[in-house]
Amino acid sequence: MQLFSIFILAITILIAILVIIHRVTKIFVTASSKKYIKPTSAPRRNGKKVAIQMAIRNEDPEVVFRTIDSLLKQTYEDFVLVIIDNNTDDKSLWEPVEAFCEGNNKLIFTHVENLKGFKSGALNLALEITPEDCEIISVIDCDTIVDQDYLSDLIPFFDNPQIMVVQTPSGVQEEILDNDFTLGLGVIHRYFHSVFMTYAHSRRRVPFIGNMGIIRRSILEEQGQWNGKYLCEDMELSRRLILDRNESIFVDHAYGKTLLPSNLKNAKQQFYRWAFGNAQIFRDFFMKDMTTRTKLAMSYYPIPSIHANIFCLPYYIITILLLILSLFYSNQYLNAISFVILGIYIIEALGNLMTHLHLAKKEGFSIKTIAVSMMVLKSLSTSFSKGTYAVFRHKTMPFKITPHTNENQVNNNLYNLVKYFRLETLLSFAAIALVLINYLYNRSLETSLLLNAAFIILSSIFQLYLMGIIKAEKHG
């Protein structure tokens, strides 16, 4: 038993070291982001020919129409909109979009079935049918309302031949910010742009994250287009762009406003996909890049690391394991493990608090919004962690579209917690049961172990609260 305890302690210390490195990296990135100065240009109405590309699948036509309408209002004149509907079986979803595009020479619509490569495959097809005279490519998600000055303000940056990518943030459509959950989730999305993207701009190595981004067609074709193997196809392309020393900039102005996941379940699905997709890149390239192109790799890898979570799953599993072992054994190594993982939790919690306070000051968020955002982050941490570790079991997995409308759910939050957050619920119930059993058998528990058990349960309490403030409404 002593050897087993030493083994678990060694693993725990290793995780602690990795967590500290990750947290120090985030502190460095946050400090670097404070130096950001937004670049400016002189707007123009024409110049380089632009192709705006949009991939859609199983989308509500009304959502798509709103996006198309906003794009047709661009003050910049030299553009076409290329729309690819891929693998939508329901004709009532894609045929209205096709009819909407007919007769407009700025709109190119194609419906395709059995297309491989998910969104990457659709964007590669869009590039194939894009008119040859289009020098610049912009990718827009189909649920994004775009400001009319988007192209006229940003295309002039490409007068500089060194600039290959211009990226802007995605804002949030105001009408969906109707409860604490969407406000808190919006803070998490804003954190990526406000901190990580401004850090990337300081190094002129900004990733092309697809939505609300613009890229030179020549460099996209030179890099071999999009790779459908990776769930975060934009970050995989960005790795190739950045490590080949292509210069890019970030203009921190929300020219587009998009939809957020409508509930905690959908947000869980989206963040799992992001964590898995970015972990794929770390798994396949990190060691090679850090040893061969260290400086460029250090410019890139802090950016996808935002979605990595190497801490949460081991924390939960080790805590439950210690609660089980405490029924039968007690030694100095088990006590040390409990203190170490509690220390890691405190480091993570304080780090997230510092980050949110920085955002509150910079972006003007209220204390309540910040508090709910931290609840959302805690509630989704298991999905981040599961996605991070899933790359050791799966080479890749199917791309799942995140629903942006509420789905029918049983109007019982405890039922929804058990159904949609099975792992978290199981671990919470296990923690409660094991603590009670320990006390029934008159075995005292270390304070650190009790706190660790309480933090597991706290995640489920947050989830119950967040589900309680989200109305499960059916949107027609």
Protein backbone atom coordinates (compact mmCIF):
# COMPACT_ATOMS: atom_id res chain seq x y z
CA MET A 1 0.00 0.00 0.00
CA GLN A 2 2.87 2.33 0.76
CA LEU A 3 4.37 1.87 -2.70
CA PHE A 4 0.97 2.57 -4.29
CA SER A 5 0.62 5.73 -2.19
CA ILE A 6 4.07 6.92 -3.30
CA PHE A 7 3.12 6.26 -6.95
CA ILE A 8 -0.09 8.31 -6.66
CA LEU A 9 1.82 11.08 -4.87
CA ALA A 10 4.36 11.19 -7.72
CA ILE A 11 1.56 11.51 -10.30
CA THR A 12 -0.08 14.24 -8.23
CA ILE A 13 3.16 16.22 -7.98
CA LEU A 14 3.67 15.92 -11.76
CA ILE A 15 0.16 17.26 -12.38
CA ALA A 16 0.86 20.08 -9.90
CA ILE A 17 4.00 21.06 -11.81
CA LEU A 18 2.12 21.10 -15.14
CA VAL A 19 -0.73 23.13 -13.64
CA ILE A 20 1.73 25.69 -12.24
CA ILE A 21 3.46 25.99 -15.63
CA HIS A 22 0.08 26.45 -17.31
CA ARG A 23 -0.98 29.08 -14.77
CA VAL A 24 2.32 30.98 -15.03
CA THR A 25 1.92 30.97 -18.82
CA LYS A 26 -1.54 32.53 -18.46
CA ILE A 27 -0.15 35.21 -16.12
CA PHE A 28 2.57 36.02 -18.68
CA VAL A 29 0.04 36.16 -21.51
CA THR A 30 -2.26 38.43 -19.49
CA ALA A 31 0.61 40.80 -18.71
CA SER A 32 1.66 40.89 -22.38
CA SER A 33 -1.90 41.59 -23.51
CA LYS A 34 -1.96 44.87 -21.59
CA LYS A 35 0.41 46.39 -24.16
CA TYR A 36 -2.11 45.98 -26.98
CA ILE A 37 -2.83 48.96 -29.22
CA LYS A 38 -5.58 48.48 -31.80
CA PRO A 39 -4.29 48.97 -35.36
CA THR A 40 -6.19 51.36 -37.61
CA SER A 41 -6.55 51.85 -41.35
CA ALA A 42 -8.24 54.24 -43.77
CA PRO A 43 -11.57 52.67 -44.88
CA ARG A 44 -12.24 52.07 -48.58
CA ARG A 45 -15.26 51.01 -50.61
CA ASN A 46 -13.41 48.88 -53.14
CA GLY A 47 -10.04 47.47 -54.14
CA LYS A 48 -9.10 43.82 -53.76
CA LYS A 49 -11.82 41.30 -54.68
CA VAL A 50 -13.08 39.40 -51.61
CA ALA A 51 -14.88 36.07 -51.27
CA ILE A 52 -16.84 35.63 -48.07
CA GLN A 53 -17.25 31.91 -47.39
CA MET A 54 -19.97 30.36 -45.24
CA ALA A 55 -20.46 26.67 -44.42
CA ILE A 56 -23.91 25.62 -43.22
CA ARG A 57 -25.45 22.32 -42.17
CA ASN A 58 -28.87 21.68 -40.64
CA GLU A 59 -29.28 25.37 -39.86
CA ASP A 60 -32.51 27.30 -39.39
CA PRO A 61 -33.00 29.25 -42.67
CA GLU A 62 -34.14 32.34 -40.75
CA VAL A 63 -30.81 32.44 -38.90
CA VAL A 64 -28.94 32.14 -42.20
CA PHE A 65 -31.09 34.84 -43.87
CA ARG A 66 -30.21 37.34 -41.14
CA THR A 67 -26.51 36.73 -41.72
CA ILE A 68 -26.80 36.99 -45.50
CA ASP A 69 -28.80 40.23 -45.21
CA SER A 70 -26.11 41.78 -43.03
CA LEU A 71 -23.39 40.79 -45.50
CA LEU A 72 -25.28 42.22 -48.46
CA LYS A 73 -25.28 45.59 -46.69
CA GLN A 74 -21.48 45.84 -46.76
CA THR A 75 -20.22 49.27 -47.78
CA TYR A 76 -17.31 47.52 -49.48
CA GLU A 77 -18.39 46.72 -53.03
CA ASP A 78 -15.94 44.15 -54.45
CA PHE A 79 -17.10 40.90 -52.85
CA VAL A 80 -19.09 37.73 -53.42
CA LEU A 81 -20.64 35.42 -50.84
CA VAL A 82 -20.00 31.69 -51.35
CA ILE A 83 -22.39 29.45 -49.35
CA ILE A 84 -21.87 25.71 -49.04
CA ASP A 85 -24.64 23.61 -47.53
CA ASN A 86 -23.09 20.24 -46.75
CA ASN A 87 -24.90 17.02 -45.89
CA THR A 88 -28.22 18.56 -44.83
CA ASP A 89 -30.82 15.84 -45.43
CA ASP A 90 -33.89 17.98 -44.74
CA LYS A 91 -34.73 19.89 -47.92
CA SER A 92 -36.89 22.33 -45.96
CA LEU A 93 -33.67 23.67 -44.40
CA TRP A 94 -31.46 24.18 -47.44
CA GLU A 95 -33.90 24.77 -50.34
CA PRO A 96 -35.17 28.11 -48.92
CA VAL A 97 -31.56 29.30 -48.74
CA GLU A 98 -30.98 28.24 -52.34
CA ALA A 99 -34.12 30.10 -53.42
CA PHE A 100 -33.04 33.16 -51.45
CA CYS A 101 -29.70 33.25 -53.34
CA GLU A 102 -31.13 32.84 -56.85
CA GLY A 103 -30.86 35.88 -59.11
CA ASN A 104 -28.29 37.72 -56.99
CA ASN A 105 -24.86 37.88 -58.65
CA LYS A 106 -23.17 38.42 -55.30
CA LEU A 107 -24.46 35.09 -53.95
CA ILE A 108 -23.09 31.67 -54.93
CA PHE A 109 -24.92 28.74 -53.35
CA THR A 110 -24.09 25.03 -53.55
CA HIS A 111 -25.74 22.11 -51.79
CA VAL A 112 -23.62 18.95 -51.59
CA GLU A 113 -24.28 15.53 -50.07
CA ASN A 114 -21.84 12.92 -48.74
CA LEU A 115 -19.11 15.52 -48.37
CA LYS A 116 -16.26 14.36 -46.15
CA GLY A 117 -14.19 16.51 -43.84
CA PHE A 118 -17.03 18.25 -41.97
CA LYS A 119 -16.60 22.04 -41.94
CA SER A 120 -13.09 21.72 -43.39
CA GLY A 121 -14.45 19.84 -46.38
CA ALA A 122 -17.13 22.49 -46.94
CA LEU A 123 -14.59 25.33 -46.79
CA ASN A 124 -12.23 23.52 -49.15
CA LEU A 125 -15.11 23.09 -51.62
CA ALA A 126 -15.98 26.77 -51.20
CA LEU A 127 -12.41 27.65 -52.17
CA GLU A 128 -12.63 25.48 -55.28
CA ILE A 129 -15.72 27.28 -56.59
CA THR A 130 -14.63 30.76 -55.51
CA PRO A 131 -14.01 33.00 -58.56
CA GLU A 132 -10.32 33.13 -59.49
CA ASP A 133 -10.15 36.91 -59.25
CA CYS A 134 -10.88 36.83 -55.50
CA GLU A 135 -7.59 37.61 -53.77
CA ILE A 136 -8.90 37.69 -50.21
CA ILE A 137 -10.99 35.15 -48.27
CA SER A 138 -13.17 35.85 -45.26
CA VAL A 139 -14.91 33.09 -43.30
CA ILE A 140 -18.18 33.93 -41.55
CA ASP A 141 -20.31 31.62 -39.39
CA CYS A 142 -23.91 31.44 -40.51
CA ASP A 143 -25.24 32.73 -37.17
CA THR A 144 -23.23 35.96 -37.17
CA ILE A 145 -24.69 39.40 -37.86
CA VAL A 146 -21.92 41.41 -39.53
CA ASP A 147 -21.42 45.17 -39.36
CA GLN A 148 -21.64 46.96 -42.71
CA ASP A 149 -18.12 48.41 -42.36
CA TYR A 150 -16.44 45.04 -41.73
CA LEU A 151 -14.76 44.72 -45.14
CA SER A 152 -14.25 48.43 -45.85
CA ASP A 153 -12.37 48.89 -42.55
CA LEU A 154 -10.24 45.75 -42.70
CA ILE A 155 -9.36 45.02 -46.33
CA PRO A 156 -6.99 48.06 -46.51
CA PHE A 157 -4.65 46.28 -44.05
CA PHE A 158 -3.79 43.92 -46.89
CA ASP A 159 -2.10 46.77 -48.75
CA ASN A 160 0.85 45.72 -46.61
CA PRO A 161 2.20 42.64 -48.46
CA GLN A 162 3.56 41.20 -45.19
CA ILE A 163 0.10 40.85 -43.66
CA MET A 164 -1.45 37.44 -44.33
CA VAL A 165 -4.26 37.39 -41.75
CA VAL A 166 -6.49 40.00 -40.13
CA GLN A 167 -8.60 38.61 -37.29
CA THR A 168 -11.37 40.29 -35.30
CA PRO A 169 -13.37 39.05 -32.30
CA SER A 170 -16.89 37.67 -32.39
CA GLY A 171 -19.29 39.71 -30.31
CA VAL A 172 -22.55 38.40 -28.88
CA GLN A 173 -26.02 39.22 -30.17
CA GLU A 174 -27.65 41.34 -27.48
CA GLU A 175 -31.04 39.65 -27.65
CA ILE A 176 -29.64 36.37 -26.26
CA LEU A 177 -28.03 38.07 -23.25
CA ASP A 178 -31.26 37.64 -21.32
CA ASN A 179 -30.02 35.69 -18.30
CA ASP A 180 -27.00 35.28 -16.07
CA PHE A 181 -25.86 32.13 -17.86
CA THR A 182 -25.38 33.73 -21.29
CA LEU A 183 -23.75 36.77 -19.69
CA GLY A 184 -21.31 34.55 -17.81
CA LEU A 185 -20.60 32.45 -20.89
CA GLY A 186 -19.99 35.63 -22.86
CA VAL A 187 -17.26 36.60 -20.38
CA ILE A 188 -15.44 33.31 -21.07
CA HIS A 189 -15.62 33.93 -24.82
CA ARG A 190 -14.43 37.51 -24.34
CA TYR A 191 -11.47 36.32 -22.26
CA PHE A 192 -10.01 34.54 -25.28
CA HIS A 193 -10.10 37.67 -27.42
CA SER A 194 -9.30 40.25 -24.75
CA VAL A 195 -6.28 38.40 -23.38
CA PHE A 196 -4.98 35.66 -25.68
CA MET A 197 -5.59 37.34 -29.02
CA THR A 198 -4.14 40.67 -27.93
CA TYR A 199 -1.08 38.76 -26.65
CA ALA A 200 -0.76 37.10 -30.08
CA HIS A 201 -0.98 40.52 -31.74
CA SER A 202 1.99 41.74 -29.70
CA ARG A 203 4.04 39.05 -31.49
CA ARG A 204 2.32 39.61 -34.87
CA ARG A 205 1.40 35.92 -34.77
CA VAL A 206 -2.38 36.01 -34.53
CA PRO A 207 -4.25 32.76 -35.27
CA PHE A 208 -6.86 32.67 -38.00
CA ILE A 209 -9.87 31.45 -36.03
CA GLY A 210 -12.28 31.30 -38.94
CA ASN A 211 -15.30 33.35 -37.98
CA MET A 212 -14.76 37.09 -38.51
CA GLY A 213 -11.28 36.48 -39.90
CA ILE A 214 -9.75 37.44 -43.25
CA ILE A 215 -6.87 35.67 -45.00
CA ARG A 216 -4.99 35.97 -48.29
CA ARG A 217 -6.11 33.31 -50.72
CA SER A 218 -2.56 32.67 -51.87
CA ILE A 219 -1.31 31.71 -48.40
CA LEU A 220 -4.37 29.51 -47.75
CA GLU A 221 -3.70 27.56 -50.95
CA GLU A 222 0.02 27.44 -50.26
CA GLN A 223 -0.62 25.88 -46.85
CA GLY A 224 -2.73 23.08 -48.31
CA GLN A 225 -6.13 24.46 -47.26
CA TRP A 226 -8.12 23.02 -44.32
CA ASN A 227 -7.44 19.70 -42.59
CA GLY A 228 -10.64 17.83 -41.67
CA LYS A 229 -8.78 15.51 -39.29
CA TYR A 230 -8.76 18.18 -36.57
CA LEU A 231 -11.91 19.36 -34.79
CA CYS A 232 -10.36 22.82 -34.40
CA GLU A 233 -9.49 23.13 -38.07
CA ASP A 234 -8.86 26.85 -37.70
CA MET A 235 -6.21 26.41 -34.98
CA GLU A 236 -4.53 23.62 -36.95
CA LEU A 237 -4.28 25.90 -40.00
CA SER A 238 -3.07 28.70 -37.73
CA ARG A 239 -0.25 26.51 -36.45
CA ARG A 240 1.02 26.06 -40.00
CA LEU A 241 0.68 29.77 -40.75
CA ILE A 242 2.44 30.94 -37.59
CA LEU A 243 5.26 28.41 -37.68
CA ASP A 244 5.96 29.44 -41.28
CA ARG A 245 6.53 33.00 -40.01
CA ASN A 246 3.47 34.55 -41.63
CA GLU A 247 2.59 37.92 -40.13
CA SER A 248 -0.93 38.51 -38.83
CA ILE A 249 -2.75 41.15 -36.78
CA PHE A 250 -5.74 41.39 -34.45
CA VAL A 251 -8.19 44.29 -34.61
CA ASP A 252 -10.06 44.24 -31.31
CA HIS A 253 -13.39 45.51 -32.54
CA ALA A 254 -16.47 43.28 -32.76
CA TYR A 255 -17.60 43.73 -36.37
CA GLY A 256 -19.75 40.61 -36.01
CA LYS A 257 -22.11 39.39 -33.33
CA THR A 258 -22.89 35.71 -33.04
CA LEU A 259 -25.08 33.34 -31.04
CA LEU A 260 -23.95 31.48 -27.93
CA PRO A 261 -25.00 27.97 -26.85
CA SER A 262 -28.49 28.25 -25.42
CA ASN A 263 -27.93 26.13 -22.34
CA LEU A 264 -25.34 24.39 -20.21
CA LYS A 265 -25.64 21.09 -22.08
CA ASN A 266 -24.90 22.71 -25.44
CA ALA A 267 -22.04 24.73 -23.98
CA LYS A 268 -20.59 21.51 -22.58
CA GLN A 269 -20.64 19.96 -26.08
CA GLN A 270 -18.95 23.00 -27.64
CA PHE A 271 -16.17 23.27 -25.07
CA TYR A 272 -15.51 19.53 -25.17
CA ARG A 273 -15.00 19.81 -28.94
CA TRP A 274 -12.65 22.79 -28.57
CA ALA A 275 -10.64 21.05 -25.86
CA PHE A 276 -10.34 17.86 -27.92
CA GLY A 277 -9.44 19.72 -31.12
CA ASN A 278 -6.70 21.76 -29.48
CA ALA A 279 -5.40 18.74 -27.57
CA GLN A 280 -5.08 16.92 -30.91
CA ILE A 281 -2.65 19.62 -32.04
CA PHE A 282 -0.65 19.39 -28.81
CA ARG A 283 -0.52 15.59 -29.10
CA ASP A 284 0.64 15.56 -32.71
CA PHE A 285 2.97 18.54 -32.92
CA PHE A 286 3.95 20.10 -29.57
CA MET A 287 7.18 18.22 -28.86
CA LYS A 288 8.35 18.46 -32.45
CA ASP A 289 7.59 22.19 -32.68
CA MET A 290 9.16 23.06 -29.33
CA THR A 291 12.41 21.33 -30.29
CA THR A 292 12.67 22.57 -33.89
CA ARG A 293 10.99 26.00 -33.90
CA THR A 294 10.99 26.96 -30.25
CA LYS A 295 10.46 30.72 -30.51
CA LEU A 296 7.61 30.46 -33.01
CA ALA A 297 6.05 27.60 -31.03
CA MET A 298 6.10 29.76 -27.90
CA SER A 299 4.15 32.39 -29.84
CA TYR A 300 1.51 29.87 -30.85
CA TYR A 301 0.93 27.27 -28.15
CA PRO A 302 -0.24 29.59 -25.33
CA ILE A 303 -3.27 30.38 -27.53
CA PRO A 304 -4.86 26.91 -27.87
CA SER A 305 -3.80 26.13 -24.28
CA ILE A 306 -6.78 28.17 -23.04
CA HIS A 307 -8.99 25.15 -23.73
CA ALA A 308 -6.68 22.61 -22.10
CA ASN A 309 -7.49 21.29 -18.63
CA ILE A 310 -5.09 18.67 -17.29
CA PHE A 311 -6.22 19.20 -13.72
CA CYS A 312 -9.94 18.65 -13.24
CA LEU A 313 -10.37 14.93 -14.03
CA PRO A 314 -7.32 13.79 -12.02
CA TYR A 315 -8.46 16.03 -9.15
CA TYR A 316 -11.89 14.40 -9.03
CA ILE A 317 -10.60 10.85 -9.48
CA ILE A 318 -7.81 11.16 -6.91
CA THR A 319 -10.18 12.73 -4.37
CA ILE A 320 -12.66 9.84 -4.72
CA LEU A 321 -9.78 7.35 -4.55
CA LEU A 322 -8.51 8.93 -1.31
CA LEU A 323 -12.01 8.82 0.20
CA ILE A 324 -12.19 5.09 -0.56
CA LEU A 325 -8.70 4.38 0.78
CA SER A 326 -9.39 6.39 3.92
CA LEU A 327 -11.89 3.70 4.93
CA PHE A 328 -9.08 1.17 5.24
CA TYR A 329 -5.72 2.92 5.37
CA SER A 330 -4.01 6.01 6.67
CA ASN A 331 -0.42 7.00 6.04
CA GLN A 332 1.67 10.11 5.53
CA TYR A 333 1.70 9.75 1.73
CA LEU A 334 -2.09 9.70 1.42
CA ASN A 335 -2.29 12.80 3.60
CA ALA A 336 0.36 14.49 1.46
CA ILE A 337 -1.60 13.70 -1.72
CA SER A 338 -4.68 15.33 -0.23
CA PHE A 339 -2.76 18.51 0.63
CA VAL A 340 -1.07 18.66 -2.80
CA ILE A 341 -4.31 18.41 -4.80
CA LEU A 342 -5.98 20.93 -2.48
CA GLY A 343 -3.07 23.28 -3.15
CA ILE A 344 -3.50 22.81 -6.91
CA TYR A 345 -7.21 23.58 -6.63
CA ILE A 346 -6.48 26.77 -4.69
CA ILE A 347 -3.88 27.84 -7.28
CA GLU A 348 -6.39 27.27 -10.09
CA ALA A 349 -9.20 29.07 -8.23
CA LEU A 350 -7.03 32.08 -7.40
CA GLY A 351 -5.73 32.18 -10.98
CA ASN A 352 -9.26 32.21 -12.39
CA LEU A 353 -10.25 34.89 -9.88
CA MET A 354 -7.31 37.10 -10.92
CA THR A 355 -8.21 36.62 -14.59
CA HIS A 356 -11.85 37.57 -14.02
CA LEU A 357 -10.93 40.61 -11.93
CA HIS A 358 -8.62 41.72 -14.76
CA LEU A 359 -11.51 41.35 -17.22
CA ALA A 360 -13.91 43.17 -14.90
CA LYS A 361 -11.55 46.14 -14.81
CA LYS A 362 -10.69 46.10 -18.51
CA GLU A 363 -14.14 45.34 -19.94
CA GLY A 364 -16.39 46.88 -17.28
CA PHE A 365 -18.16 43.66 -16.27
CA SER A 366 -20.24 43.72 -13.09
CA ILE A 367 -19.24 41.66 -10.05
CA LYS A 368 -22.38 39.53 -10.46
CA THR A 369 -21.55 38.74 -14.08
CA ILE A 370 -17.99 37.83 -13.10
CA ALA A 371 -19.26 35.57 -10.29
CA VAL A 372 -21.64 33.73 -12.63
CA SER A 373 -18.88 33.42 -15.23
CA MET A 374 -16.70 31.67 -12.67
CA MET A 375 -19.60 29.32 -11.92
CA VAL A 376 -19.96 28.59 -15.63
CA LEU A 377 -16.22 27.95 -15.92
CA LYS A 378 -16.29 25.60 -12.92
CA SER A 379 -19.35 23.78 -14.32
CA LEU A 380 -17.66 23.26 -17.69
CA SER A 381 -14.23 22.33 -16.33
CA THR A 382 -14.98 18.60 -16.50
CA SER A 383 -15.86 18.92 -20.20
CA PHE A 384 -12.59 20.78 -20.81
CA SER A 385 -10.68 18.06 -19.00
CA LYS A 386 -12.50 15.13 -20.63
CA GLY A 387 -11.84 16.63 -24.06
CA THR A 388 -8.17 17.13 -23.22
CA TYR A 389 -7.62 13.54 -22.12
CA ALA A 390 -9.85 12.00 -24.81
CA VAL A 391 -7.08 12.44 -27.40
CA PHE A 392 -5.23 9.54 -25.79
CA ARG A 393 -8.16 7.24 -26.65
CA HIS A 394 -9.32 8.68 -29.98
CA LYS A 395 -7.27 9.77 -32.98
CA THR A 396 -10.16 11.97 -34.06
CA MET A 397 -13.95 12.07 -33.72
CA PRO A 398 -16.98 13.39 -35.65
CA PHE A 399 -17.58 17.14 -35.71
CA LYS A 400 -20.81 17.90 -33.82
CA ILE A 401 -22.56 21.18 -34.55
CA THR A 402 -23.44 23.12 -31.40
CA PRO A 403 -27.20 23.84 -31.25
CA HIS A 404 -28.00 27.50 -30.65
CA THR A 405 -31.68 27.09 -29.84
CA ASN A 406 -33.21 25.67 -26.70
CA GLU A 407 -34.24 22.03 -26.86
CA ASN A 408 -37.07 20.34 -25.06
CA GLN A 409 -35.89 19.23 -21.63
CA VAL A 410 -37.71 17.80 -18.65
CA ASN A 411 -38.60 20.68 -16.35
CA ASN A 412 -36.64 19.15 -13.47
CA ASN A 413 -33.14 20.44 -12.88
CA LEU A 414 -32.02 17.45 -10.81
CA TYR A 415 -33.15 15.09 -13.60
CA ASN A 416 -31.28 17.19 -16.19
CA LEU A 417 -28.18 17.22 -13.98
CA VAL A 418 -28.17 13.43 -13.78
CA LYS A 419 -28.90 13.00 -17.51
CA TYR A 420 -26.53 15.55 -19.05
CA PHE A 421 -23.76 15.67 -16.44
CA ARG A 422 -23.54 12.00 -15.51
CA LEU A 423 -19.87 11.95 -14.53
CA GLU A 424 -20.05 15.05 -12.35
CA THR A 425 -23.25 13.83 -10.68
CA LEU A 426 -21.84 10.35 -10.04
CA LEU A 427 -18.67 11.79 -8.51
CA SER A 428 -20.67 14.20 -6.34
CA PHE A 429 -22.93 11.45 -5.01
CA ALA A 430 -19.87 9.24 -4.45
CA ALA A 431 -18.14 12.02 -2.49
CA ILE A 432 -21.20 12.54 -0.27
CA ALA A 433 -21.64 8.80 0.34
CA LEU A 434 -17.97 8.17 1.13
CA VAL A 435 -17.79 11.08 3.58
CA LEU A 436 -20.88 9.78 5.40
CA ILE A 437 -19.56 6.21 5.47
CA ASN A 438 -16.25 7.41 6.91
CA TYR A 439 -18.06 9.17 9.74
CA LEU A 440 -20.36 6.20 10.38
CA TYR A 441 -17.28 4.08 10.89
CA ASN A 442 -15.85 6.74 13.21
CA ARG A 443 -12.89 7.44 10.98
CA SER A 444 -11.74 11.04 11.06
CA LEU A 445 -11.00 12.70 7.72
CA GLU A 446 -8.27 15.20 7.03
CA THR A 447 -9.61 18.75 6.59
CA SER A 448 -7.93 18.92 3.18
CA LEU A 449 -9.77 15.80 2.02
CA LEU A 450 -13.10 17.15 3.26
CA LEU A 451 -12.50 20.38 1.34
CA ASN A 452 -11.62 18.44 -1.81
CA ALA A 453 -14.85 16.47 -1.51
CA ALA A 454 -16.79 19.71 -0.97
CA PHE A 455 -15.30 21.26 -4.13
CA ILE A 456 -16.49 18.28 -6.19
CA ILE A 457 -20.00 18.73 -4.83
CA LEU A 458 -19.79 22.49 -5.43
CA SER A 459 -19.53 21.89 -9.19
CA SER A 460 -22.90 20.11 -9.21
CA ILE A 461 -24.46 22.85 -7.07
CA PHE A 462 -23.31 25.44 -9.61
CA GLN A 463 -24.78 23.36 -12.43
CA LEU A 464 -28.13 23.16 -10.66
CA TYR A 465 -28.12 26.94 -10.20
CA LEU A 466 -27.21 27.63 -13.83
CA MET A 467 -29.87 25.26 -15.14
CA GLY A 468 -32.37 26.96 -12.86
CA ILE A 469 -31.80 30.36 -14.47
CA ILE A 470 -32.06 29.02 -18.02
CA LYS A 471 -35.63 28.57 -19.21
CA ALA A 472 -36.03 25.43 -21.29
CA GLU A 473 -38.24 26.93 -24.01
CA LYS A 474 -39.04 25.44 -27.37
CA HIS A 475 -38.18 27.82 -30.20
CA GLY A 476 -40.35 27.30 -33.18
